[in-house]
Amino acid sequence: MKTPKEKAKEILNNMAFVCRDNGNYPEVAKLCALICVDEILNYIHNFTEFTEQEDYNYFMEVKQEIEKL
């Protein structure tokens, strides 16, 4: 499994590739990546057992790493 920092960079790089046609793509990619992680967090919180707390914590760290980029 990738570290939260590695996963944050991967998500952001994927979003940057998709958003490259936008003049301000680094910021747009960052916003898209944060939306993606928020969706994952909402899914884990709303649709899984609390045994998935490790996954939730992992993606909270990923979100924090994206915010630092």
C-alpha atoms as a PDB file:
ATOM      1  CA  MET A   1       0.000   0.000   0.000  1.00  0.00           C
ATOM      2  CA  LYS A   2       1.213   3.473  -0.835  1.00  0.00           C
ATOM      3  CA  THR A   3       1.825   6.018   1.880  1.00  0.00           C
ATOM      4  CA  PRO A   4      -0.792   8.767   2.201  1.00  0.00           C
ATOM      5  CA  LYS A   5       1.725  11.209   0.700  1.00  0.00           C
ATOM      6  CA  GLU A   6       2.378   8.948  -2.309  1.00  0.00           C
ATOM      7  CA  LYS A   7      -1.363   8.396  -2.831  1.00  0.00           C
ATOM      8  CA  ALA A   8      -2.009  12.147  -2.579  1.00  0.00           C
ATOM      9  CA  LYS A   9       0.564  12.825  -5.302  1.00  0.00           C
ATOM     10  CA  GLU A  10      -0.872  10.045  -7.475  1.00  0.00           C
ATOM     11  CA  ILE A  11      -4.425  11.406  -7.226  1.00  0.00           C
ATOM     12  CA  LEU A  12      -3.258  14.966  -7.856  1.00  0.00           C
ATOM     13  CA  ASN A  13      -1.157  13.908 -10.868  1.00  0.00           C
ATOM     14  CA  ASN A  14      -4.123  12.016 -12.334  1.00  0.00           C
ATOM     15  CA  MET A  15      -6.360  15.042 -11.904  1.00  0.00           C
ATOM     16  CA  ALA A  16      -3.701  17.362 -13.368  1.00  0.00           C
ATOM     17  CA  PHE A  17      -3.558  15.207 -16.492  1.00  0.00           C
ATOM     18  CA  VAL A  18      -7.326  15.427 -16.927  1.00  0.00           C
ATOM     19  CA  CYS A  19      -7.427  19.171 -16.181  1.00  0.00           C
ATOM     20  CA  ARG A  20      -4.376  20.167 -18.245  1.00  0.00           C
ATOM     21  CA  ASP A  21      -6.417  22.154 -20.769  1.00  0.00           C
ATOM     22  CA  ASN A  22      -7.512  24.587 -18.068  1.00  0.00           C
ATOM     23  CA  GLY A  23      -5.237  27.633 -17.712  1.00  0.00           C
ATOM     24  CA  ASN A  24      -4.991  27.203 -13.941  1.00  0.00           C
ATOM     25  CA  TYR A  25      -4.793  23.418 -13.978  1.00  0.00           C
ATOM     26  CA  PRO A  26      -2.663  22.880 -10.835  1.00  0.00           C
ATOM     27  CA  GLU A  27      -5.326  24.493  -8.638  1.00  0.00           C
ATOM     28  CA  VAL A  28      -8.190  22.871 -10.539  1.00  0.00           C
ATOM     29  CA  ALA A  29      -6.471  19.480 -10.237  1.00  0.00           C
ATOM     30  CA  LYS A  30      -6.035  20.008  -6.501  1.00  0.00           C
ATOM     31  CA  LEU A  31      -9.738  20.840  -6.081  1.00  0.00           C
ATOM     32  CA  CYS A  32     -10.722  17.796  -8.155  1.00  0.00           C
ATOM     33  CA  ALA A  33      -8.435  15.553  -6.102  1.00  0.00           C
ATOM     34  CA  LEU A  34      -9.955  16.873  -2.857  1.00  0.00           C
ATOM     35  CA  ILE A  35     -13.448  16.207  -4.216  1.00  0.00           C
ATOM     36  CA  CYS A  36     -12.380  12.665  -5.082  1.00  0.00           C
ATOM     37  CA  VAL A  37     -11.030  12.008  -1.593  1.00  0.00           C
ATOM     38  CA  ASP A  38     -14.114  13.560   0.019  1.00  0.00           C
ATOM     39  CA  GLU A  39     -16.280  11.142  -1.966  1.00  0.00           C
ATOM     40  CA  ILE A  40     -14.196   8.211  -0.736  1.00  0.00           C
ATOM     41  CA  LEU A  41     -14.431   9.455   2.864  1.00  0.00           C
ATOM     42  CA  ASN A  42     -18.201   9.881   2.573  1.00  0.00           C
ATOM     43  CA  TYR A  43     -18.558   6.379   1.179  1.00  0.00           C
ATOM     44  CA  ILE A  44     -16.474   4.851   3.953  1.00  0.00           C
ATOM     45  CA  HIS A  45     -18.351   6.827   6.599  1.00  0.00           C
ATOM     46  CA  ASN A  46     -21.858   6.176   5.281  1.00  0.00           C
ATOM     47  CA  PHE A  47     -21.749   2.734   3.728  1.00  0.00           C
ATOM     48  CA  THR A  48     -19.223   0.626   5.592  1.00  0.00           C
ATOM     49  CA  GLU A  49     -18.871  -0.783   9.059  1.00  0.00           C
ATOM     50  CA  PHE A  50     -16.684   1.006  11.543  1.00  0.00           C
ATOM     51  CA  THR A  51     -14.223  -1.830  11.052  1.00  0.00           C
ATOM     52  CA  GLU A  52     -13.147   0.274   8.063  1.00  0.00           C
ATOM     53  CA  GLN A  53     -11.753   2.970  10.397  1.00  0.00           C
ATOM     54  CA  GLU A  54      -8.240   2.237   9.136  1.00  0.00           C
ATOM     55  CA  ASP A  55      -9.324   3.070   5.572  1.00  0.00           C
ATOM     56  CA  TYR A  56     -11.042   6.247   6.742  1.00  0.00           C
ATOM     57  CA  ASN A  57      -7.923   7.344   8.628  1.00  0.00           C
ATOM     58  CA  TYR A  58      -5.751   6.566   5.600  1.00  0.00           C
ATOM     59  CA  PHE A  59      -7.820   8.762   3.276  1.00  0.00           C
ATOM     60  CA  MET A  60      -7.987  11.546   5.863  1.00  0.00           C
ATOM     61  CA  GLU A  61      -4.184  11.555   5.749  1.00  0.00           C
ATOM     62  CA  VAL A  62      -4.270  11.522   1.931  1.00  0.00           C
ATOM     63  CA  LYS A  63      -6.553  14.567   2.020  1.00  0.00           C
ATOM     64  CA  GLN A  64      -4.149  16.374   4.361  1.00  0.00           C
ATOM     65  CA  GLU A  65      -1.248  15.585   2.029  1.00  0.00           C
ATOM     66  CA  ILE A  66      -3.159  16.928  -0.994  1.00  0.00           C
ATOM     67  CA  GLU A  67      -3.873  20.128   0.905  1.00  0.00           C
ATOM     68  CA  LYS A  68      -0.107  20.522   1.484  1.00  0.00           C
ATOM     69  CA  LEU A  69       0.730  20.163  -2.225  1.00  0.00           C
END
